[in-house]
N, C-alpha and C. Protein backbone atom coordinates (compact mmCIF):
# COMPACT_ATOMS: atom_id res chain seq x y z
N MET A 1 81.93 153.27 45.24
CA MET A 1 82.75 152.21 45.13
C MET A 1 84.21 152.62 44.83
N GLU A 2 83.96 153.40 43.62
CA GLU A 2 85.36 153.95 43.00
C GLU A 2 86.21 154.68 44.05
N ALA A 3 85.87 155.35 44.99
CA ALA A 3 86.64 156.05 45.79
C ALA A 3 87.34 155.26 46.94
N GLN A 4 86.69 154.01 47.06
CA GLN A 4 87.39 153.02 47.91
C GLN A 4 88.39 152.06 47.43
N ARG A 5 88.78 152.24 46.08
CA ARG A 5 89.69 151.20 45.56
C ARG A 5 90.96 151.66 45.84
N ASP A 6 91.92 150.64 46.11
CA ASP A 6 93.32 150.87 46.65
C ASP A 6 94.10 150.96 45.48
N LEU A 7 94.62 151.98 45.19
CA LEU A 7 95.45 152.25 43.99
C LEU A 7 96.85 152.35 44.32
N SER A 8 97.24 151.86 45.57
CA SER A 8 98.63 152.00 46.02
C SER A 8 99.33 150.61 45.58
N ARG A 9 98.67 149.70 45.04
CA ARG A 9 99.42 148.62 44.58
C ARG A 9 99.30 148.57 42.96
N THR A 10 100.35 147.89 42.30
CA THR A 10 100.50 147.76 41.06
C THR A 10 100.72 146.17 40.84
N TRP A 11 99.77 145.82 39.84
CA TRP A 11 99.71 144.35 39.65
C TRP A 11 100.48 144.18 38.07
N ILE A 12 101.19 143.15 38.11
CA ILE A 12 101.81 143.04 36.53
C ILE A 12 101.51 141.52 36.30
N HIS A 13 101.17 141.36 34.94
CA HIS A 13 100.95 139.85 34.69
C HIS A 13 101.99 139.67 33.58
N VAL A 14 102.52 138.56 33.80
CA VAL A 14 103.84 138.27 32.91
C VAL A 14 103.35 136.74 32.35
N ASP A 15 103.30 136.72 31.01
CA ASP A 15 102.88 135.29 30.30
C ASP A 15 104.11 134.62 30.06
N MET A 16 104.47 133.97 31.16
CA MET A 16 105.78 132.95 31.12
C MET A 16 105.67 131.87 30.04
N ASP A 17 104.54 131.42 29.82
CA ASP A 17 104.34 130.43 28.99
C ASP A 17 104.79 131.00 27.55
N ALA A 18 104.38 132.08 27.26
CA ALA A 18 105.02 132.79 25.98
C ALA A 18 106.40 132.97 25.98
N PHE A 19 107.01 133.18 27.16
CA PHE A 19 108.48 133.30 27.27
C PHE A 19 109.18 132.10 26.78
N PHE A 20 108.63 130.96 27.32
CA PHE A 20 109.33 129.73 26.70
C PHE A 20 109.22 129.66 25.47
N ALA A 21 108.10 129.79 24.65
CA ALA A 21 108.04 129.65 23.29
C ALA A 21 108.87 130.77 22.63
N ALA A 22 109.04 131.94 22.94
CA ALA A 22 109.81 132.94 22.52
C ALA A 22 111.23 132.46 22.59
N VAL A 23 111.76 132.08 23.70
CA VAL A 23 113.07 131.71 23.68
C VAL A 23 113.44 130.73 22.61
N HIS A 24 112.50 129.79 22.52
CA HIS A 24 112.89 128.80 21.25
C HIS A 24 112.88 129.42 20.17
N THR A 25 112.13 130.51 19.93
CA THR A 25 111.92 131.23 18.50
C THR A 25 113.20 132.13 18.26
N LEU A 26 113.71 132.69 19.32
CA LEU A 26 114.93 133.36 19.28
C LEU A 26 116.28 132.37 18.79
N GLU A 27 116.12 131.24 19.30
CA GLU A 27 117.15 130.29 19.03
C GLU A 27 117.00 129.63 17.51
N ARG A 28 115.81 129.52 17.27
CA ARG A 28 115.47 128.91 15.88
C ARG A 28 114.43 129.85 15.19
N PRO A 29 114.83 130.97 14.57
CA PRO A 29 113.87 131.96 14.09
C PRO A 29 112.94 131.09 12.85
N GLU A 30 113.10 130.14 12.40
CA GLU A 30 112.18 129.46 11.63
C GLU A 30 110.99 128.84 12.30
N LEU A 31 110.94 128.85 13.36
CA LEU A 31 109.69 128.41 14.31
C LEU A 31 108.79 129.60 14.43
N ALA A 32 109.12 130.99 13.92
CA ALA A 32 108.18 132.05 14.23
C ALA A 32 107.17 131.94 13.36
N SER A 33 107.05 131.42 12.24
CA SER A 33 106.15 131.26 11.26
C SER A 33 105.30 129.91 11.25
N VAL A 34 105.73 129.01 12.15
CA VAL A 34 105.07 127.64 12.05
C VAL A 34 104.45 127.29 13.42
N PRO A 35 103.46 126.49 13.58
CA PRO A 35 102.73 126.25 14.78
C PRO A 35 103.75 125.53 15.70
N MET A 36 104.00 125.99 16.86
CA MET A 36 105.19 125.19 17.76
C MET A 36 104.55 125.12 18.97
N ALA A 37 104.85 123.96 19.67
CA ALA A 37 104.63 123.85 21.09
C ALA A 37 105.80 123.18 21.72
N VAL A 38 105.88 123.76 23.06
CA VAL A 38 107.15 123.44 24.15
C VAL A 38 106.47 122.14 24.71
N GLY A 39 107.13 120.94 24.51
CA GLY A 39 106.62 119.52 25.21
C GLY A 39 106.53 118.62 24.25
N GLY A 40 105.70 117.64 24.52
CA GLY A 40 105.62 116.48 23.61
C GLY A 40 104.23 115.81 23.41
N MET A 41 104.02 114.82 22.81
CA MET A 41 102.81 114.03 22.70
C MET A 41 102.00 113.80 24.13
N SER A 42 102.61 113.72 25.20
CA SER A 42 102.03 113.49 26.43
C SER A 42 101.38 114.79 26.97
N MET A 43 102.29 115.88 27.03
CA MET A 43 101.83 116.96 27.65
C MET A 43 102.53 118.33 26.95
N ILE A 44 101.91 119.48 26.82
CA ILE A 44 102.52 120.56 26.28
C ILE A 44 102.65 121.73 27.27
N SER A 45 103.70 122.35 27.52
CA SER A 45 103.69 123.25 28.55
C SER A 45 103.29 124.78 28.18
N THR A 46 103.41 124.98 26.66
CA THR A 46 103.10 126.18 26.06
C THR A 46 103.08 126.02 24.67
N ALA A 47 102.63 126.94 23.87
CA ALA A 47 102.60 127.07 22.44
C ALA A 47 102.73 128.39 21.97
N ASN A 48 103.31 128.53 20.70
CA ASN A 48 103.52 129.88 20.17
C ASN A 48 101.90 130.46 19.70
N TYR A 49 102.05 131.72 19.34
CA TYR A 49 100.76 132.15 19.07
C TYR A 49 100.29 131.60 17.54
N VAL A 50 100.96 131.18 16.71
CA VAL A 50 100.59 130.52 15.58
C VAL A 50 99.89 129.31 15.97
N ALA A 51 100.22 128.54 16.76
CA ALA A 51 99.65 127.17 17.20
C ALA A 51 98.38 127.71 18.10
N ARG A 52 98.41 128.67 18.97
CA ARG A 52 97.34 129.05 19.70
C ARG A 52 96.09 129.45 18.75
N LYS A 53 96.29 129.88 17.56
CA LYS A 53 95.12 130.27 16.76
C LYS A 53 94.39 129.03 16.21
N ALA A 54 95.30 127.84 16.21
CA ALA A 54 94.68 126.73 15.72
C ALA A 54 94.00 126.05 17.01
N GLY A 55 93.90 126.58 18.08
CA GLY A 55 93.31 126.02 19.29
C GLY A 55 94.22 125.20 20.10
N VAL A 56 95.80 125.23 20.09
CA VAL A 56 96.52 124.46 21.07
C VAL A 56 96.67 125.60 22.05
N ARG A 57 96.63 124.72 23.27
CA ARG A 57 96.58 125.65 24.47
C ARG A 57 97.79 124.92 25.44
N SER A 58 98.19 125.86 26.49
CA SER A 58 99.01 125.08 27.66
C SER A 58 98.38 124.24 28.22
N ALA A 59 99.07 123.18 28.90
CA ALA A 59 98.68 122.02 29.63
C ALA A 59 97.70 121.24 28.90
N MET A 60 97.98 121.20 27.71
CA MET A 60 97.03 120.38 26.66
C MET A 60 97.82 119.05 26.44
N PRO A 61 97.23 117.90 26.23
CA PRO A 61 97.98 116.76 25.82
C PRO A 61 98.40 116.96 24.44
N GLY A 62 99.58 116.63 24.14
CA GLY A 62 100.16 116.76 22.78
C GLY A 62 99.38 116.16 21.88
N PHE A 63 98.93 114.83 22.04
CA PHE A 63 98.20 114.02 21.08
C PHE A 63 96.80 114.63 20.70
N ILE A 64 96.25 115.48 21.61
CA ILE A 64 95.10 116.24 21.20
C ILE A 64 95.32 117.48 20.31
N ALA A 65 96.63 118.20 20.84
CA ALA A 65 97.07 119.06 19.97
C ALA A 65 97.30 119.03 18.51
N VAL A 66 97.98 117.64 18.26
CA VAL A 66 98.23 117.35 16.94
C VAL A 66 96.92 117.11 16.10
N LYS A 67 96.06 116.78 16.68
CA LYS A 67 94.54 116.44 16.11
C LYS A 67 94.12 118.01 15.73
N LEU A 68 94.25 118.90 16.61
CA LEU A 68 93.83 120.25 16.23
C LEU A 68 94.68 120.81 15.07
N CYS A 69 96.11 120.56 15.30
CA CYS A 69 96.90 121.26 14.43
C CYS A 69 97.98 120.14 13.84
N PRO A 70 97.52 119.45 12.62
CA PRO A 70 98.54 118.55 12.28
C PRO A 70 99.93 118.88 11.88
N SER A 71 100.17 120.13 11.79
CA SER A 71 101.69 120.69 11.28
C SER A 71 102.43 121.24 12.61
N LEU A 72 101.81 120.93 13.61
CA LEU A 72 102.29 121.19 14.96
C LEU A 72 103.93 120.73 15.23
N VAL A 73 104.83 121.64 15.40
CA VAL A 73 106.31 121.32 15.66
C VAL A 73 106.56 121.36 17.35
N PHE A 74 107.12 120.22 17.69
CA PHE A 74 107.28 119.97 19.14
C PHE A 74 108.63 120.46 19.19
N VAL A 75 109.11 121.25 20.38
CA VAL A 75 110.38 121.47 20.99
C VAL A 75 110.56 121.04 22.39
N LYS A 76 111.71 120.31 22.59
CA LYS A 76 111.94 119.99 23.99
C LYS A 76 111.99 121.05 25.07
N GLN A 77 111.60 120.95 26.26
CA GLN A 77 111.83 122.02 27.41
C GLN A 77 113.31 122.08 27.57
N ASP A 78 113.90 123.26 27.82
CA ASP A 78 115.26 123.63 28.08
C ASP A 78 115.29 124.67 29.25
N PHE A 79 115.25 124.22 30.58
CA PHE A 79 115.18 125.21 31.60
C PHE A 79 116.41 125.96 31.77
N GLU A 80 117.71 125.54 31.35
CA GLU A 80 118.97 126.05 31.31
C GLU A 80 118.84 127.15 30.34
N LEU A 81 118.57 126.99 29.30
CA LEU A 81 118.35 127.88 28.25
C LEU A 81 117.39 129.10 28.71
N TYR A 82 116.31 128.78 29.32
CA TYR A 82 115.33 129.70 29.81
C TYR A 82 116.13 130.74 30.73
N LYS A 83 116.80 130.17 31.65
CA LYS A 83 117.63 130.86 32.73
C LYS A 83 118.43 131.75 32.11
N GLN A 84 119.11 131.17 30.98
CA GLN A 84 119.96 132.27 30.25
C GLN A 84 119.43 133.50 29.70
N TYR A 85 118.24 133.27 29.22
CA TYR A 85 117.67 134.43 28.64
C TYR A 85 116.98 135.13 29.65
N ALA A 86 116.54 134.65 30.87
CA ALA A 86 115.87 135.35 31.87
C ALA A 86 116.90 136.35 32.38
N ALA A 87 118.23 135.85 32.51
CA ALA A 87 119.28 136.63 33.17
C ALA A 87 119.67 137.96 32.23
N LYS A 88 119.25 137.82 31.05
CA LYS A 88 119.96 138.92 30.19
C LYS A 88 119.01 140.15 30.53
């Protein structure tokens, strides 16, 4: 089976959810050490690793995330800001 594997292709996985959270942390360094989520009470698009340790996940309703992590800080999505950082 090993001899039949196609090694001519390379797969790269990029955690873009973490990118959104990282951009906000670059803009506001104080968010690096606190649980932070991008989104709001209705839905979270992502969370930083501090929040993930508390069980907060992408595509989770914010009201559930706050129950898991009462000190969670929400930041609004900013796609123009993400474009700026992605272009660097």
